[in-house]
Amino acid sequence: PEDAPEAPEFIEIEFLNGDAVAIN
């Protein structure tokens, strides 16, 4: 984690009936 990128990354996860079905 100390060597991880200095800038954050934002992602979006879509769910259907409790299960993840799509990313971004």
PDB file of all heavy atoms in Angstrom:
ATOM      1  N   PRO A   1       0.801  -1.225   0.000  1.00  0.00           N
ATOM      2  CA  PRO A   1       0.000   0.000   0.000  1.00  0.00           C
ATOM      3  C   PRO A   1       0.834   1.276   0.000  1.00  0.00           C
ATOM      4  O   PRO A   1       0.428   2.290  -0.583  1.00  0.00           O
ATOM      5  CB  PRO A   1      -0.831  -0.126   1.282  1.00  0.00           C
ATOM      6  CG  PRO A   1      -0.954  -1.596   1.507  1.00  0.00           C
ATOM      7  CD  PRO A   1       0.354  -2.171   1.042  1.00  0.00           C
ATOM      8  N   GLU A   2       2.012   1.236   0.642  1.00  0.00           N
ATOM      9  CA  GLU A   2       2.873   2.414   0.671  1.00  0.00           C
ATOM     10  C   GLU A   2       3.395   2.774  -0.715  1.00  0.00           C
ATOM     11  O   GLU A   2       3.712   3.935  -0.987  1.00  0.00           O
ATOM     12  CB  GLU A   2       4.045   2.188   1.625  1.00  0.00           C
ATOM     13  CG  GLU A   2       3.627   1.980   3.081  1.00  0.00           C
ATOM     14  CD  GLU A   2       4.759   1.517   3.963  1.00  0.00           C
ATOM     15  OE1 GLU A   2       5.902   1.454   3.462  1.00  0.00           O
ATOM     16  OE2 GLU A   2       4.515   1.199   5.152  1.00  0.00           O
ATOM     17  N   ASP A   3       3.482   1.769  -1.592  1.00  0.00           N
ATOM     18  CA  ASP A   3       3.988   1.991  -2.948  1.00  0.00           C
ATOM     19  C   ASP A   3       2.867   2.111  -3.981  1.00  0.00           C
ATOM     20  O   ASP A   3       3.139   2.244  -5.176  1.00  0.00           O
ATOM     21  CB  ASP A   3       4.925   0.844  -3.353  1.00  0.00           C
ATOM     22  CG  ASP A   3       6.109   0.706  -2.412  1.00  0.00           C
ATOM     23  OD1 ASP A   3       6.600   1.737  -1.936  1.00  0.00           O
ATOM     24  OD2 ASP A   3       6.529  -0.451  -2.150  1.00  0.00           O
ATOM     25  N   ALA A   4       1.635   2.050  -3.527  1.00  0.00           N
ATOM     26  CA  ALA A   4       0.494   2.140  -4.433  1.00  0.00           C
ATOM     27  C   ALA A   4       0.385   3.557  -5.000  1.00  0.00           C
ATOM     28  O   ALA A   4       0.988   4.500  -4.477  1.00  0.00           O
ATOM     29  CB  ALA A   4      -0.782   1.765  -3.687  1.00  0.00           C
ATOM     30  N   PRO A   5      -0.374   3.729  -6.092  1.00  0.00           N
ATOM     31  CA  PRO A   5      -0.494   5.050  -6.718  1.00  0.00           C
ATOM     32  C   PRO A   5      -0.895   6.152  -5.741  1.00  0.00           C
ATOM     33  O   PRO A   5      -1.692   5.918  -4.821  1.00  0.00           O
ATOM     34  CB  PRO A   5      -1.579   4.832  -7.783  1.00  0.00           C
ATOM     35  CG  PRO A   5      -1.499   3.375  -8.100  1.00  0.00           C
ATOM     36  CD  PRO A   5      -1.132   2.690  -6.826  1.00  0.00           C
ATOM     37  N   GLU A   6      -0.353   7.336  -5.961  1.00  0.00           N
ATOM     38  CA  GLU A   6      -0.662   8.478  -5.106  1.00  0.00           C
ATOM     39  C   GLU A   6      -2.051   9.030  -5.379  1.00  0.00           C
ATOM     40  O   GLU A   6      -2.632   9.703  -4.531  1.00  0.00           O
ATOM     41  CB  GLU A   6       0.382   9.580  -5.307  1.00  0.00           C
ATOM     42  CG  GLU A   6       1.792   9.203  -4.851  1.00  0.00           C
ATOM     43  CD  GLU A   6       1.855   8.898  -3.359  1.00  0.00           C
ATOM     44  OE1 GLU A   6       1.100   9.540  -2.580  1.00  0.00           O
ATOM     45  OE2 GLU A   6       2.641   8.015  -2.959  1.00  0.00           O
ATOM     46  N   ALA A   7      -2.577   8.759  -6.554  1.00  0.00           N
ATOM     47  CA  ALA A   7      -3.911   9.240  -6.907  1.00  0.00           C
ATOM     48  C   ALA A   7      -4.934   8.119  -6.735  1.00  0.00           C
ATOM     49  O   ALA A   7      -4.675   6.968  -7.111  1.00  0.00           O
ATOM     50  CB  ALA A   7      -3.930   9.740  -8.343  1.00  0.00           C
ATOM     51  N   PRO A   8      -6.097   8.404  -6.172  1.00  0.00           N
ATOM     52  CA  PRO A   8      -7.124   7.378  -6.019  1.00  0.00           C
ATOM     53  C   PRO A   8      -7.738   6.998  -7.357  1.00  0.00           C
ATOM     54  O   PRO A   8      -7.662   7.743  -8.330  1.00  0.00           O
ATOM     55  CB  PRO A   8      -8.164   8.041  -5.115  1.00  0.00           C
ATOM     56  CG  PRO A   8      -8.015   9.506  -5.384  1.00  0.00           C
ATOM     57  CD  PRO A   8      -6.542   9.712  -5.642  1.00  0.00           C
ATOM     58  N   GLU A   9      -8.335   5.826  -7.407  1.00  0.00           N
ATOM     59  CA  GLU A   9      -9.073   5.362  -8.577  1.00  0.00           C
ATOM     60  C   GLU A   9     -10.525   5.160  -8.179  1.00  0.00           C
ATOM     61  O   GLU A   9     -10.817   4.620  -7.115  1.00  0.00           O
ATOM     62  CB  GLU A   9      -8.488   4.055  -9.098  1.00  0.00           C
ATOM     63  CG  GLU A   9      -9.219   3.501 -10.323  1.00  0.00           C
ATOM     64  CD  GLU A   9      -8.647   2.188 -10.833  1.00  0.00           C
ATOM     65  OE1 GLU A   9      -7.600   1.752 -10.305  1.00  0.00           O
ATOM     66  OE2 GLU A   9      -9.236   1.589 -11.749  1.00  0.00           O
ATOM     67  N   PHE A  10     -11.448   5.583  -9.039  1.00  0.00           N
ATOM     68  CA  PHE A  10     -12.867   5.419  -8.788  1.00  0.00           C
ATOM     69  C   PHE A  10     -13.444   4.417  -9.779  1.00  0.00           C
ATOM     70  O   PHE A  10     -13.198   4.498 -10.981  1.00  0.00           O
ATOM     71  CB  PHE A  10     -13.600   6.760  -8.914  1.00  0.00           C
ATOM     72  CG  PHE A  10     -13.194   7.762  -7.874  1.00  0.00           C
ATOM     73  CD1 PHE A  10     -12.106   8.602  -8.094  1.00  0.00           C
ATOM     74  CD2 PHE A  10     -13.867   7.851  -6.665  1.00  0.00           C
ATOM     75  CE1 PHE A  10     -11.707   9.522  -7.130  1.00  0.00           C
ATOM     76  CE2 PHE A  10     -13.472   8.762  -5.695  1.00  0.00           C
ATOM     77  CZ  PHE A  10     -12.393   9.596  -5.930  1.00  0.00           C
ATOM     78  N   ILE A  11     -14.185   3.452  -9.257  1.00  0.00           N
ATOM     79  CA  ILE A  11     -14.833   2.472 -10.117  1.00  0.00           C
ATOM     80  C   ILE A  11     -16.299   2.344  -9.723  1.00  0.00           C
ATOM     81  O   ILE A  11     -16.689   2.662  -8.595  1.00  0.00           O
ATOM     82  CB  ILE A  11     -14.157   1.078 -10.057  1.00  0.00           C
ATOM     83  CG1 ILE A  11     -14.284   0.467  -8.655  1.00  0.00           C
ATOM     84  CG2 ILE A  11     -12.701   1.161 -10.481  1.00  0.00           C
ATOM     85  CD1 ILE A  11     -13.852  -0.996  -8.606  1.00  0.00           C
ATOM     86  N   GLU A  12     -17.105   1.876 -10.681  1.00  0.00           N
ATOM     87  CA  GLU A  12     -18.524   1.652 -10.425  1.00  0.00           C
ATOM     88  C   GLU A  12     -18.862   0.187 -10.675  1.00  0.00           C
ATOM     89  O   GLU A  12     -18.502  -0.373 -11.715  1.00  0.00           O
ATOM     90  CB  GLU A  12     -19.387   2.565 -11.307  1.00  0.00           C
ATOM     91  CG  GLU A  12     -19.243   4.046 -10.956  1.00  0.00           C
ATOM     92  CD  GLU A  12     -20.074   4.954 -11.835  1.00  0.00           C
ATOM     93  OE1 GLU A  12     -20.782   4.432 -12.742  1.00  0.00           O
ATOM     94  OE2 GLU A  12     -20.020   6.189 -11.650  1.00  0.00           O
ATOM     95  N   ILE A  13     -19.544  -0.430  -9.724  1.00  0.00           N
ATOM     96  CA  ILE A  13     -19.949  -1.830  -9.829  1.00  0.00           C
ATOM     97  C   ILE A  13     -21.475  -1.887  -9.832  1.00  0.00           C
ATOM     98  O   ILE A  13     -22.129  -1.342  -8.941  1.00  0.00           O
ATOM     99  CB  ILE A  13     -19.391  -2.675  -8.668  1.00  0.00           C
ATOM    100  CG1 ILE A  13     -17.863  -2.607  -8.645  1.00  0.00           C
ATOM    101  CG2 ILE A  13     -19.860  -4.123  -8.797  1.00  0.00           C
ATOM    102  CD1 ILE A  13     -17.237  -3.365  -7.483  1.00  0.00           C
ATOM    103  N   GLU A  14     -22.017  -2.563 -10.839  1.00  0.00           N
ATOM    104  CA  GLU A  14     -23.467  -2.734 -10.945  1.00  0.00           C
ATOM    105  C   GLU A  14     -23.876  -4.092 -10.406  1.00  0.00           C
ATOM    106  O   GLU A  14     -23.234  -5.109 -10.702  1.00  0.00           O
ATOM    107  CB  GLU A  14     -23.917  -2.594 -12.403  1.00  0.00           C
ATOM    108  CG  GLU A  14     -25.430  -2.683 -12.602  1.00  0.00           C
ATOM    109  CD  GLU A  14     -25.854  -2.580 -14.046  1.00  0.00           C
ATOM    110  OE1 GLU A  14     -25.038  -2.087 -14.865  1.00  0.00           O
ATOM    111  OE2 GLU A  14     -26.972  -3.037 -14.374  1.00  0.00           O
ATOM    112  N   PHE A  15     -24.967  -4.111  -9.626  1.00  0.00           N
ATOM    113  CA  PHE A  15     -25.469  -5.341  -9.025  1.00  0.00           C
ATOM    114  C   PHE A  15     -26.857  -5.676  -9.563  1.00  0.00           C
ATOM    115  O   PHE A  15     -27.654  -4.792  -9.866  1.00  0.00           O
ATOM    116  CB  PHE A  15     -25.563  -5.208  -7.500  1.00  0.00           C
ATOM    117  CG  PHE A  15     -24.234  -5.261  -6.798  1.00  0.00           C
ATOM    118  CD1 PHE A  15     -23.468  -4.113  -6.639  1.00  0.00           C
ATOM    119  CD2 PHE A  15     -23.743  -6.455  -6.315  1.00  0.00           C
ATOM    120  CE1 PHE A  15     -22.242  -4.159  -5.997  1.00  0.00           C
ATOM    121  CE2 PHE A  15     -22.518  -6.515  -5.671  1.00  0.00           C
ATOM    122  CZ  PHE A  15     -21.770  -5.362  -5.517  1.00  0.00           C
ATOM    123  N   LEU A  16     -27.144  -6.979  -9.659  1.00  0.00           N
ATOM    124  CA  LEU A  16     -28.457  -7.481 -10.004  1.00  0.00           C
ATOM    125  C   LEU A  16     -28.789  -8.615  -9.050  1.00  0.00           C
ATOM    126  O   LEU A  16     -28.090  -9.634  -9.020  1.00  0.00           O
ATOM    127  CB  LEU A  16     -28.498  -7.957 -11.455  1.00  0.00           C
ATOM    128  CG  LEU A  16     -29.830  -8.540 -11.943  1.00  0.00           C
ATOM    129  CD1 LEU A  16     -30.931  -7.482 -11.913  1.00  0.00           C
ATOM    130  CD2 LEU A  16     -29.694  -9.139 -13.325  1.00  0.00           C
ATOM    131  N   ASN A  17     -29.813  -8.433  -8.244  1.00  0.00           N
ATOM    132  CA  ASN A  17     -30.236  -9.439  -7.254  1.00  0.00           C
ATOM    133  C   ASN A  17     -29.075  -9.881  -6.357  1.00  0.00           C
ATOM    134  O   ASN A  17     -28.923 -11.060  -6.039  1.00  0.00           O
ATOM    135  CB  ASN A  17     -30.853 -10.648  -7.932  1.00  0.00           C
ATOM    136  CG  ASN A  17     -32.009 -10.287  -8.840  1.00  0.00           C
ATOM    137  OD1 ASN A  17     -32.078 -10.704  -9.976  1.00  0.00           O
ATOM    138  ND2 ASN A  17     -32.933  -9.458  -8.350  1.00  0.00           N
ATOM    139  N   GLY A  18     -28.245  -8.922  -5.969  1.00  0.00           N
ATOM    140  CA  GLY A  18     -27.165  -9.192  -5.023  1.00  0.00           C
ATOM    141  C   GLY A  18     -25.846  -9.608  -5.625  1.00  0.00           C
ATOM    142  O   GLY A  18     -24.852  -9.726  -4.909  1.00  0.00           O
ATOM    143  N   ASP A  19     -25.795  -9.856  -6.944  1.00  0.00           N
ATOM    144  CA  ASP A  19     -24.556 -10.280  -7.603  1.00  0.00           C
ATOM    145  C   ASP A  19     -24.018  -9.172  -8.499  1.00  0.00           C
ATOM    146  O   ASP A  19     -24.781  -8.487  -9.190  1.00  0.00           O
ATOM    147  CB  ASP A  19     -24.784 -11.534  -8.452  1.00  0.00           C
ATOM    148  CG  ASP A  19     -25.124 -12.755  -7.621  1.00  0.00           C
ATOM    149  OD1 ASP A  19     -24.836 -12.759  -6.410  1.00  0.00           O
ATOM    150  OD2 ASP A  19     -25.674 -13.721  -8.193  1.00  0.00           O
ATOM    151  N   ALA A  20     -22.701  -9.017  -8.511  1.00  0.00           N
ATOM    152  CA  ALA A  20     -22.053  -8.039  -9.383  1.00  0.00           C
ATOM    153  C   ALA A  20     -22.126  -8.516 -10.832  1.00  0.00           C
ATOM    154  O   ALA A  20     -21.750  -9.657 -11.141  1.00  0.00           O
ATOM    155  CB  ALA A  20     -20.608  -7.830  -8.966  1.00  0.00           C
ATOM    156  N   VAL A  21     -22.583  -7.642 -11.736  1.00  0.00           N
ATOM    157  CA  VAL A  21     -22.764  -8.039 -13.133  1.00  0.00           C
ATOM    158  C   VAL A  21     -22.036  -7.126 -14.114  1.00  0.00           C
ATOM    159  O   VAL A  21     -21.920  -7.445 -15.296  1.00  0.00           O
ATOM    160  CB  VAL A  21     -24.262  -8.090 -13.510  1.00  0.00           C
ATOM    161  CG1 VAL A  21     -24.980  -9.176 -12.726  1.00  0.00           C
ATOM    162  CG2 VAL A  21     -24.939  -6.733 -13.282  1.00  0.00           C
ATOM    163  N   ALA A  22     -21.532  -5.975 -13.642  1.00  0.00           N
ATOM    164  CA  ALA A  22     -20.848  -5.058 -14.547  1.00  0.00           C
ATOM    165  C   ALA A  22     -19.895  -4.171 -13.762  1.00  0.00           C
ATOM    166  O   ALA A  22     -20.108  -3.880 -12.585  1.00  0.00           O
ATOM    167  CB  ALA A  22     -21.853  -4.190 -15.305  1.00  0.00           C
ATOM    168  N   ILE A  23     -18.819  -3.750 -14.418  1.00  0.00           N
ATOM    169  CA  ILE A  23     -17.856  -2.809 -13.852  1.00  0.00           C
ATOM    170  C   ILE A  23     -17.675  -1.669 -14.840  1.00  0.00           C
ATOM    171  O   ILE A  23     -17.390  -1.900 -16.022  1.00  0.00           O
ATOM    172  CB  ILE A  23     -16.501  -3.484 -13.567  1.00  0.00           C
ATOM    173  CG1 ILE A  23     -16.669  -4.617 -12.541  1.00  0.00           C
ATOM    174  CG2 ILE A  23     -15.486  -2.461 -13.036  1.00  0.00           C
ATOM    175  CD1 ILE A  23     -15.408  -5.420 -12.300  1.00  0.00           C
ATOM    176  N   ASN A  24     -17.877  -0.462 -14.335  1.00  0.00           N
ATOM    177  CA  ASN A  24     -17.756   0.749 -15.169  1.00  0.00           C
ATOM    178  C   ASN A  24     -18.602   0.667 -16.430  1.00  0.00           C
ATOM    179  O   ASN A  24     -18.184   1.110 -17.511  1.00  0.00           O
ATOM    180  CB  ASN A  24     -16.292   1.016 -15.517  1.00  0.00           C
ATOM    181  CG  ASN A  24     -15.474   1.388 -14.296  1.00  0.00           C
ATOM    182  OD1 ASN A  24     -15.999   1.876 -13.300  1.00  0.00           O
ATOM    183  ND2 ASN A  24     -14.173   1.130 -14.345  1.00  0.00           N
TER     184      ASN A  24
END
